[in-house]
Amino acid sequence: MKHIATHLKHSIKDAHITERGELMEYFCERLNRDRTQDGYSKITLGRMGKTLEKIPTKDLYYLKKVCDDAGNFSKKFWYLLNPKKHQEER
């Protein structure tokens, strides 16, 4: 018979899972895969939370869909977060 603490740890961990948290983990996983191949350091969940803090959850679903359909996930992600940085000056 297992100690009661093992059951409590599992139930507490599952209680804190949110849609937004799952999306942040998804973005971190996909971006970090490309970043490690390019020689950059990984993005932490804290940094991703700060980056996405002003974006509503429904817009994160749109961002996920658009980035998944794009050829380069990372490039499309950073462009959609701030397109003004990536436009050419005329």
PDB file of N, CA and C in Angstrom:
ATOM      1  N   MET A   1       0.849  -1.177   0.000  1.00  0.00           N
ATOM      2  CA  MET A   1       0.000   0.000   0.000  1.00  0.00           C
ATOM      3  C   MET A   1       0.896   1.242   0.000  1.00  0.00           C
ATOM      4  N   LYS A   2       0.562   2.207  -0.862  1.00  0.00           N
ATOM      5  CA  LYS A   2       1.359   3.426  -0.976  1.00  0.00           C
ATOM      6  C   LYS A   2       0.970   4.439   0.089  1.00  0.00           C
ATOM      7  N   HIS A   3       1.922   5.273   0.416  1.00  0.00           N
ATOM      8  CA  HIS A   3       1.680   6.337   1.383  1.00  0.00           C
ATOM      9  C   HIS A   3       0.730   7.358   0.771  1.00  0.00           C
ATOM     10  N   ILE A   4      -0.051   8.015   1.602  1.00  0.00           N
ATOM     11  CA  ILE A   4      -1.047   8.978   1.132  1.00  0.00           C
ATOM     12  C   ILE A   4      -0.404  10.171   0.421  1.00  0.00           C
ATOM     13  N   ALA A   5       0.814  10.512   0.768  1.00  0.00           N
ATOM     14  CA  ALA A   5       1.492  11.657   0.151  1.00  0.00           C
ATOM     15  C   ALA A   5       1.694  11.453  -1.349  1.00  0.00           C
ATOM     16  N   THR A   6       1.899  10.223  -1.787  1.00  0.00           N
ATOM     17  CA  THR A   6       2.081   9.987  -3.226  1.00  0.00           C
ATOM     18  C   THR A   6       0.803  10.283  -3.996  1.00  0.00           C
ATOM     19  N   HIS A   7      -0.334   9.997  -3.388  1.00  0.00           N
ATOM     20  CA  HIS A   7      -1.611  10.286  -4.050  1.00  0.00           C
ATOM     21  C   HIS A   7      -1.904  11.782  -4.060  1.00  0.00           C
ATOM     22  N   LEU A   8      -1.541  12.476  -3.004  1.00  0.00           N
ATOM     23  CA  LEU A   8      -1.788  13.910  -2.922  1.00  0.00           C
ATOM     24  C   LEU A   8      -0.938  14.688  -3.918  1.00  0.00           C
ATOM     25  N   LYS A   9       0.309  14.294  -4.107  1.00  0.00           N
ATOM     26  CA  LYS A   9       1.177  14.995  -5.041  1.00  0.00           C
ATOM     27  C   LYS A   9       0.637  14.919  -6.456  1.00  0.00           C
ATOM     28  N   HIS A  10       0.125  13.768  -6.841  1.00  0.00           N
ATOM     29  CA  HIS A  10      -0.415  13.610  -8.188  1.00  0.00           C
ATOM     30  C   HIS A  10      -1.684  14.435  -8.370  1.00  0.00           C
ATOM     31  N   SER A  11      -2.552  14.466  -7.381  1.00  0.00           N
ATOM     32  CA  SER A  11      -3.800  15.206  -7.520  1.00  0.00           C
ATOM     33  C   SER A  11      -3.565  16.709  -7.499  1.00  0.00           C
ATOM     34  N   ILE A  12      -2.605  17.185  -6.724  1.00  0.00           N
ATOM     35  CA  ILE A  12      -2.300  18.609  -6.679  1.00  0.00           C
ATOM     36  C   ILE A  12      -1.688  19.060  -8.004  1.00  0.00           C
ATOM     37  N   LYS A  13      -0.818  18.247  -8.565  1.00  0.00           N
ATOM     38  CA  LYS A  13      -0.179  18.602  -9.832  1.00  0.00           C
ATOM     39  C   LYS A  13      -1.218  18.720 -10.948  1.00  0.00           C
ATOM     40  N   ASP A  14      -2.174  17.821 -11.013  1.00  0.00           N
ATOM     41  CA  ASP A  14      -3.202  17.850 -12.051  1.00  0.00           C
ATOM     42  C   ASP A  14      -4.162  19.017 -11.872  1.00  0.00           C
ATOM     43  N   ALA A  15      -4.336  19.501 -10.651  1.00  0.00           N
ATOM     44  CA  ALA A  15      -5.271  20.585 -10.386  1.00  0.00           C
ATOM     45  C   ALA A  15      -4.764  21.917 -10.940  1.00  0.00           C
ATOM     46  N   HIS A  16      -3.456  22.068 -11.132  1.00  0.00           N
ATOM     47  CA  HIS A  16      -2.893  23.338 -11.572  1.00  0.00           C
ATOM     48  C   HIS A  16      -2.705  23.423 -13.082  1.00  0.00           C
ATOM     49  N   ILE A  17      -3.140  22.423 -13.815  1.00  0.00           N
ATOM     50  CA  ILE A  17      -3.000  22.440 -15.267  1.00  0.00           C
ATOM     51  C   ILE A  17      -4.106  23.322 -15.846  1.00  0.00           C
ATOM     52  N   THR A  18      -3.709  24.300 -16.672  1.00  0.00           N
ATOM     53  CA  THR A  18      -4.669  25.194 -17.313  1.00  0.00           C
ATOM     54  C   THR A  18      -4.453  25.175 -18.818  1.00  0.00           C
ATOM     55  N   GLU A  19      -5.432  25.679 -19.541  1.00  0.00           N
ATOM     56  CA  GLU A  19      -5.300  25.762 -21.002  1.00  0.00           C
ATOM     57  C   GLU A  19      -4.122  26.642 -21.383  1.00  0.00           C
ATOM     58  N   ARG A  20      -4.014  27.767 -20.712  1.00  0.00           N
ATOM     59  CA  ARG A  20      -2.949  28.720 -21.014  1.00  0.00           C
ATOM     60  C   ARG A  20      -1.575  28.108 -20.732  1.00  0.00           C
ATOM     61  N   GLY A  21      -1.463  27.383 -19.640  1.00  0.00           N
ATOM     62  CA  GLY A  21      -0.213  26.729 -19.295  1.00  0.00           C
ATOM     63  C   GLY A  21       0.176  25.668 -20.315  1.00  0.00           C
ATOM     64  N   GLU A  22      -0.809  24.928 -20.796  1.00  0.00           N
ATOM     65  CA  GLU A  22      -0.528  23.919 -21.814  1.00  0.00           C
ATOM     66  C   GLU A  22      -0.056  24.566 -23.113  1.00  0.00           C
ATOM     67  N   LEU A  23      -0.672  25.697 -23.478  1.00  0.00           N
ATOM     68  CA  LEU A  23      -0.247  26.405 -24.688  1.00  0.00           C
ATOM     69  C   LEU A  23       1.171  26.961 -24.527  1.00  0.00           C
ATOM     70  N   MET A  24       1.477  27.488 -23.350  1.00  0.00           N
ATOM     71  CA  MET A  24       2.819  28.009 -23.119  1.00  0.00           C
ATOM     72  C   MET A  24       3.861  26.895 -23.214  1.00  0.00           C
ATOM     73  N   GLU A  25       3.545  25.731 -22.653  1.00  0.00           N
ATOM     74  CA  GLU A  25       4.469  24.598 -22.750  1.00  0.00           C
ATOM     75  C   GLU A  25       4.641  24.162 -24.198  1.00  0.00           C
ATOM     76  N   TYR A  26       3.552  24.200 -24.971  1.00  0.00           N
ATOM     77  CA  TYR A  26       3.619  23.833 -26.380  1.00  0.00           C
ATOM     78  C   TYR A  26       4.531  24.791 -27.147  1.00  0.00           C
ATOM     79  N   PHE A  27       4.342  26.096 -26.924  1.00  0.00           N
ATOM     80  CA  PHE A  27       5.179  27.085 -27.609  1.00  0.00           C
ATOM     81  C   PHE A  27       6.644  26.939 -27.206  1.00  0.00           C
ATOM     82  N   CYS A  28       6.900  26.739 -25.922  1.00  0.00           N
ATOM     83  CA  CYS A  28       8.288  26.553 -25.466  1.00  0.00           C
ATOM     84  C   CYS A  28       8.918  25.338 -26.132  1.00  0.00           C
ATOM     85  N   GLU A  29       8.184  24.247 -26.185  1.00  0.00           N
ATOM     86  CA  GLU A  29       8.718  23.015 -26.780  1.00  0.00           C
ATOM     87  C   GLU A  29       9.056  23.217 -28.255  1.00  0.00           C
ATOM     88  N   ARG A  30       8.140  23.803 -28.999  1.00  0.00           N
ATOM     89  CA  ARG A  30       8.366  23.993 -30.431  1.00  0.00           C
ATOM     90  C   ARG A  30       9.477  25.002 -30.709  1.00  0.00           C
ATOM     91  N   LEU A  31       9.499  26.095 -29.959  1.00  0.00           N
ATOM     92  CA  LEU A  31      10.529  27.116 -30.174  1.00  0.00           C
ATOM     93  C   LEU A  31      11.901  26.628 -29.733  1.00  0.00           C
ATOM     94  N   ASN A  32      11.956  25.906 -28.622  1.00  0.00           N
ATOM     95  CA  ASN A  32      13.237  25.424 -28.117  1.00  0.00           C
ATOM     96  C   ASN A  32      13.853  24.388 -29.041  1.00  0.00           C
ATOM     97  N   ARG A  33      13.033  23.622 -29.740  1.00  0.00           N
ATOM     98  CA  ARG A  33      13.553  22.655 -30.703  1.00  0.00           C
ATOM     99  C   ARG A  33      14.339  23.374 -31.800  1.00  0.00           C
ATOM    100  N   ASP A  34      13.785  24.465 -32.299  1.00  0.00           N
ATOM    101  CA  ASP A  34      14.478  25.239 -33.338  1.00  0.00           C
ATOM    102  C   ASP A  34      15.669  26.004 -32.767  1.00  0.00           C
ATOM    103  N   ARG A  35      15.526  26.521 -31.546  1.00  0.00           N
ATOM    104  CA  ARG A  35      16.594  27.330 -30.946  1.00  0.00           C
ATOM    105  C   ARG A  35      17.832  26.502 -30.654  1.00  0.00           C
ATOM    106  N   THR A  36      17.654  25.284 -30.159  1.00  0.00           N
ATOM    107  CA  THR A  36      18.826  24.454 -29.857  1.00  0.00           C
ATOM    108  C   THR A  36      19.561  24.050 -31.122  1.00  0.00           C
ATOM    109  N   GLN A  37      18.814  23.863 -32.219  1.00  0.00           N
ATOM    110  CA  GLN A  37      19.466  23.548 -33.494  1.00  0.00           C
ATOM    111  C   GLN A  37      20.286  24.728 -33.992  1.00  0.00           C
ATOM    112  N   ASP A  38      19.827  25.949 -33.700  1.00  0.00           N
ATOM    113  CA  ASP A  38      20.526  27.153 -34.140  1.00  0.00           C
ATOM    114  C   ASP A  38      21.605  27.610 -33.159  1.00  0.00           C
ATOM    115  N   GLY A  39      21.729  26.947 -32.021  1.00  0.00           N
ATOM    116  CA  GLY A  39      22.768  27.282 -31.057  1.00  0.00           C
ATOM    117  C   GLY A  39      22.362  28.319 -30.026  1.00  0.00           C
ATOM    118  N   TYR A  40      21.086  28.634 -29.911  1.00  0.00           N
ATOM    119  CA  TYR A  40      20.610  29.590 -28.907  1.00  0.00           C
ATOM    120  C   TYR A  40      20.200  28.853 -27.643  1.00  0.00           C
ATOM    121  N   SER A  41      20.119  29.594 -26.540  1.00  0.00           N
ATOM    122  CA  SER A  41      19.677  28.980 -25.286  1.00  0.00           C
ATOM    123  C   SER A  41      18.158  28.787 -25.309  1.00  0.00           C
ATOM    124  N   LYS A  42      17.689  27.888 -24.452  1.00  0.00           N
ATOM    125  CA  LYS A  42      16.262  27.575 -24.406  1.00  0.00           C
ATOM    126  C   LYS A  42      15.475  28.697 -23.747  1.00  0.00           C
ATOM    127  N   ILE A  43      14.219  28.827 -24.153  1.00  0.00           N
ATOM    128  CA  ILE A  43      13.296  29.777 -23.538  1.00  0.00           C
ATOM    129  C   ILE A  43      12.608  29.058 -22.382  1.00  0.00           C
ATOM    130  N   THR A  44      12.615  29.670 -21.209  1.00  0.00           N
ATOM    131  CA  THR A  44      11.982  29.066 -20.041  1.00  0.00           C
ATOM    132  C   THR A  44      10.491  29.396 -20.032  1.00  0.00           C
ATOM    133  N   LEU A  45       9.741  28.664 -19.214  1.00  0.00           N
ATOM    134  CA  LEU A  45       8.312  28.938 -19.093  1.00  0.00           C
ATOM    135  C   LEU A  45       8.059  30.326 -18.510  1.00  0.00           C
ATOM    136  N   GLY A  46       8.913  30.765 -17.614  1.00  0.00           N
ATOM    137  CA  GLY A  46       8.769  32.102 -17.043  1.00  0.00           C
ATOM    138  C   GLY A  46       8.916  33.192 -18.093  1.00  0.00           C
ATOM    139  N   ARG A  47       9.902  33.035 -18.957  1.00  0.00           N
ATOM    140  CA  ARG A  47      10.111  34.012 -20.030  1.00  0.00           C
ATOM    141  C   ARG A  47       8.962  33.977 -21.030  1.00  0.00           C
ATOM    142  N   MET A  48       8.468  32.772 -21.322  1.00  0.00           N
ATOM    143  CA  MET A  48       7.335  32.651 -22.236  1.00  0.00           C
ATOM    144  C   MET A  48       6.092  33.280 -21.626  1.00  0.00           C
ATOM    145  N   GLY A  49       5.904  33.121 -20.318  1.00  0.00           N
ATOM    146  CA  GLY A  49       4.769  33.743 -19.639  1.00  0.00           C
ATOM    147  C   GLY A  49       4.826  35.254 -19.716  1.00  0.00           C
ATOM    148  N   LYS A  50       6.023  35.811 -19.543  1.00  0.00           N
ATOM    149  CA  LYS A  50       6.191  37.261 -19.637  1.00  0.00           C
ATOM    150  C   LYS A  50       5.942  37.753 -21.060  1.00  0.00           C
ATOM    151  N   THR A  51       6.369  36.970 -22.044  1.00  0.00           N
ATOM    152  CA  THR A  51       6.187  37.343 -23.443  1.00  0.00           C
ATOM    153  C   THR A  51       4.713  37.333 -23.836  1.00  0.00           C
ATOM    154  N   LEU A  52       3.961  36.370 -23.317  1.00  0.00           N
ATOM    155  CA  LEU A  52       2.568  36.192 -23.729  1.00  0.00           C
ATOM    156  C   LEU A  52       1.566  36.748 -22.723  1.00  0.00           C
ATOM    157  N   GLU A  53       2.007  37.512 -21.726  1.00  0.00           N
ATOM    158  CA  GLU A  53       1.112  37.928 -20.651  1.00  0.00           C
ATOM    159  C   GLU A  53      -0.027  38.835 -21.106  1.00  0.00           C
ATOM    160  N   LYS A  54       0.152  39.642 -22.114  1.00  0.00           N
ATOM    161  CA  LYS A  54      -0.882  40.585 -22.556  1.00  0.00           C
ATOM    162  C   LYS A  54      -1.804  39.991 -23.622  1.00  0.00           C
ATOM    163  N   ILE A  55      -1.516  38.781 -24.076  1.00  0.00           N
ATOM    164  CA  ILE A  55      -2.293  38.166 -25.151  1.00  0.00           C
ATOM    165  C   ILE A  55      -3.366  37.271 -24.545  1.00  0.00           C
ATOM    166  N   PRO A  56      -4.645  37.477 -24.904  1.00  0.00           N
ATOM    167  CA  PRO A  56      -5.720  36.626 -24.388  1.00  0.00           C
ATOM    168  C   PRO A  56      -5.559  35.176 -24.862  1.00  0.00           C
ATOM    169  N   THR A  57      -6.129  34.255 -24.099  1.00  0.00           N
ATOM    170  CA  THR A  57      -5.987  32.832 -24.397  1.00  0.00           C
ATOM    171  C   THR A  57      -6.580  32.483 -25.759  1.00  0.00           C
ATOM    172  N   LYS A  58      -7.712  33.089 -26.122  1.00  0.00           N
ATOM    173  CA  LYS A  58      -8.321  32.777 -27.425  1.00  0.00           C
ATOM    174  C   LYS A  58      -7.394  33.180 -28.576  1.00  0.00           C
ATOM    175  N   ASP A  59      -6.620  34.246 -28.386  1.00  0.00           N
ATOM    176  CA  ASP A  59      -5.669  34.658 -29.413  1.00  0.00           C
ATOM    177  C   ASP A  59      -4.462  33.724 -29.471  1.00  0.00           C
ATOM    178  N   LEU A  60      -4.145  33.078 -28.349  1.00  0.00           N
ATOM    179  CA  LEU A  60      -3.051  32.101 -28.351  1.00  0.00           C
ATOM    180  C   LEU A  60      -3.420  30.886 -29.198  1.00  0.00           C
ATOM    181  N   TYR A  61      -4.700  30.510 -29.187  1.00  0.00           N
ATOM    182  CA  TYR A  61      -5.132  29.411 -30.042  1.00  0.00           C
ATOM    183  C   TYR A  61      -4.972  29.782 -31.520  1.00  0.00           C
ATOM    184  N   TYR A  62      -5.298  31.023 -31.856  1.00  0.00           N
ATOM    185  CA  TYR A  62      -5.108  31.491 -33.235  1.00  0.00           C
ATOM    186  C   TYR A  62      -3.624  31.487 -33.595  1.00  0.00           C
ATOM    187  N   LEU A  63      -2.797  31.968 -32.687  1.00  0.00           N
ATOM    188  CA  LEU A  63      -1.352  32.001 -32.901  1.00  0.00           C
ATOM    189  C   LEU A  63      -0.810  30.592 -33.126  1.00  0.00           C
ATOM    190  N   LYS A  64      -1.285  29.643 -32.358  1.00  0.00           N
ATOM    191  CA  LYS A  64      -0.860  28.249 -32.501  1.00  0.00           C
ATOM    192  C   LYS A  64      -1.248  27.709 -33.869  1.00  0.00           C
ATOM    193  N   LYS A  65      -2.468  27.963 -34.288  1.00  0.00           N
ATOM    194  CA  LYS A  65      -2.946  27.461 -35.579  1.00  0.00           C
ATOM    195  C   LYS A  65      -2.142  28.039 -36.736  1.00  0.00           C
ATOM    196  N   VAL A  66      -1.925  29.339 -36.710  1.00  0.00           N
ATOM    197  CA  VAL A  66      -1.191  30.006 -37.790  1.00  0.00           C
ATOM    198  C   VAL A  66       0.258  29.529 -37.840  1.00  0.00           C
ATOM    199  N   CYS A  67       0.878  29.413 -36.680  1.00  0.00           N
ATOM    200  CA  CYS A  67       2.282  28.983 -36.639  1.00  0.00           C
ATOM    201  C   CYS A  67       2.433  27.528 -37.073  1.00  0.00           C
ATOM    202  N   ASP A  68       1.465  26.685 -36.726  1.00  0.00           N
ATOM    203  CA  ASP A  68       1.516  25.285 -37.156  1.00  0.00           C
ATOM    204  C   ASP A  68       1.399  25.169 -38.671  1.00  0.00           C
ATOM    205  N   ASP A  69       0.607  26.037 -39.283  1.00  0.00           N
ATOM    206  CA  ASP A  69       0.413  25.996 -40.734  1.00  0.00           C
ATOM    207  C   ASP A  69       1.582  26.606 -41.496  1.00  0.00           C
ATOM    208  N   ALA A  70       2.384  27.415 -40.824  1.00  0.00           N
ATOM    209  CA  ALA A  70       3.508  28.089 -41.484  1.00  0.00           C
ATOM    210  C   ALA A  70       4.656  27.108 -41.730  1.00  0.00           C
ATOM    211  N   GLY A  71       5.503  27.445 -42.669  1.00  0.00           N
ATOM    212  CA  GLY A  71       6.663  26.616 -42.959  1.00  0.00           C
ATOM    213  C   GLY A  71       7.708  26.667 -41.859  1.00  0.00           C
ATOM    214  N   ASN A  72       7.914  27.835 -41.282  1.00  0.00           N
ATOM    215  CA  ASN A  72       8.897  28.016 -40.214  1.00  0.00           C
ATOM    216  C   ASN A  72       8.159  28.499 -38.968  1.00  0.00           C
ATOM    217  N   PHE A  73       7.952  27.599 -38.007  1.00  0.00           N
ATOM    218  CA  PHE A  73       7.167  27.895 -36.804  1.00  0.00           C
ATOM    219  C   PHE A  73       7.745  29.080 -36.039  1.00  0.00           C
ATOM    220  N   SER A  74       9.030  29.043 -35.780  1.00  0.00           N
ATOM    221  CA  SER A  74       9.682  30.060 -34.956  1.00  0.00           C
ATOM    222  C   SER A  74       9.616  31.439 -35.604  1.00  0.00           C
ATOM    223  N   LYS A  75       9.916  31.494 -36.882  1.00  0.00           N
ATOM    224  CA  LYS A  75       9.913  32.777 -37.592  1.00  0.00           C
ATOM    225  C   LYS A  75       8.516  33.390 -37.588  1.00  0.00           C
ATOM    226  N   LYS A  76       7.483  32.594 -37.831  1.00  0.00           N
ATOM    227  CA  LYS A  76       6.103  33.090 -37.857  1.00  0.00           C
ATOM    228  C   LYS A  76       5.661  33.518 -36.458  1.00  0.00           C
ATOM    229  N   PHE A  77       6.077  32.783 -35.436  1.00  0.00           N
ATOM    230  CA  PHE A  77       5.713  33.114 -34.059  1.00  0.00           C
ATOM    231  C   PHE A  77       6.223  34.496 -33.680  1.00  0.00           C
ATOM    232  N   TRP A  78       7.510  34.733 -33.903  1.00  0.00           N
ATOM    233  CA  TRP A  78       8.085  36.022 -33.505  1.00  0.00           C
ATOM    234  C   TRP A  78       7.560  37.160 -34.375  1.00  0.00           C
ATOM    235  N   TYR A  79       7.251  36.885 -35.631  1.00  0.00           N
ATOM    236  CA  TYR A  79       6.689  37.920 -36.496  1.00  0.00           C
ATOM    237  C   TYR A  79       5.297  38.329 -36.010  1.00  0.00           C
ATOM    238  N   LEU A  80       4.474  37.345 -35.644  1.00  0.00           N
ATOM    239  CA  LEU A  80       3.115  37.661 -35.210  1.00  0.00           C
ATOM    240  C   LEU A  80       3.075  38.368 -33.859  1.00  0.00           C
ATOM    241  N   LEU A  81       4.078  38.155 -33.031  1.00  0.00           N
ATOM    242  CA  LEU A  81       4.097  38.861 -31.751  1.00  0.00           C
ATOM    243  C   LEU A  81       4.350  40.350 -31.925  1.00  0.00           C
ATOM    244  N   ASN A  82       5.209  40.730 -32.887  1.00  0.00           N
ATOM    245  CA  ASN A  82       5.484  42.144 -33.121  1.00  0.00           C
ATOM    246  C   ASN A  82       5.876  42.353 -34.583  1.00  0.00           C
ATOM    247  N   PRO A  83       4.891  42.514 -35.472  1.00  0.00           N
ATOM    248  CA  PRO A  83       5.216  42.670 -36.893  1.00  0.00           C
ATOM    249  C   PRO A  83       5.940  43.975 -37.220  1.00  0.00           C
ATOM    250  N   LYS A  84       5.822  45.004 -36.376  1.00  0.00           N
ATOM    251  CA  LYS A  84       6.486  46.284 -36.655  1.00  0.00           C
ATOM    252  C   LYS A  84       8.005  46.144 -36.640  1.00  0.00           C
ATOM    253  N   LYS A  85       8.522  45.228 -35.835  1.00  0.00           N
ATOM    254  CA  LYS A  85       9.968  45.024 -35.772  1.00  0.00           C
ATOM    255  C   LYS A  85      10.512  44.421 -37.058  1.00  0.00           C
ATOM    256  N   HIS A  86       9.667  43.702 -37.796  1.00  0.00           N
ATOM    257  CA  HIS A  86      10.140  42.941 -38.931  1.00  0.00           C
ATOM    258  C   HIS A  86       9.795  43.568 -40.289  1.00  0.00           C
ATOM    259  N   GLN A  87       9.141  44.706 -40.282  1.00  0.00           N
ATOM    260  CA  GLN A  87       8.808  45.365 -41.546  1.00  0.00           C
ATOM    261  C   GLN A  87       9.996  46.196 -42.017  1.00  0.00           C
ATOM    262  N   GLU A  88      10.157  46.222 -43.312  1.00  0.00           N
ATOM    263  CA  GLU A  88      11.243  47.015 -43.887  1.00  0.00           C
ATOM    264  C   GLU A  88      10.852  48.491 -43.859  1.00  0.00           C
ATOM    265  N   GLU A  89      11.838  49.325 -43.604  1.00  0.00           N
ATOM    266  CA  GLU A  89      11.587  50.767 -43.646  1.00  0.00           C
ATOM    267  C   GLU A  89      11.557  51.225 -45.088  1.00  0.00           C
ATOM    268  N   ARG A  90      10.596  52.076 -45.395  1.00  0.00           N
ATOM    269  CA  ARG A  90      10.432  52.532 -46.777  1.00  0.00           C
ATOM    270  C   ARG A  90      10.848  53.965 -46.926  1.00  0.00           C
TER     271      ARG A  90
END
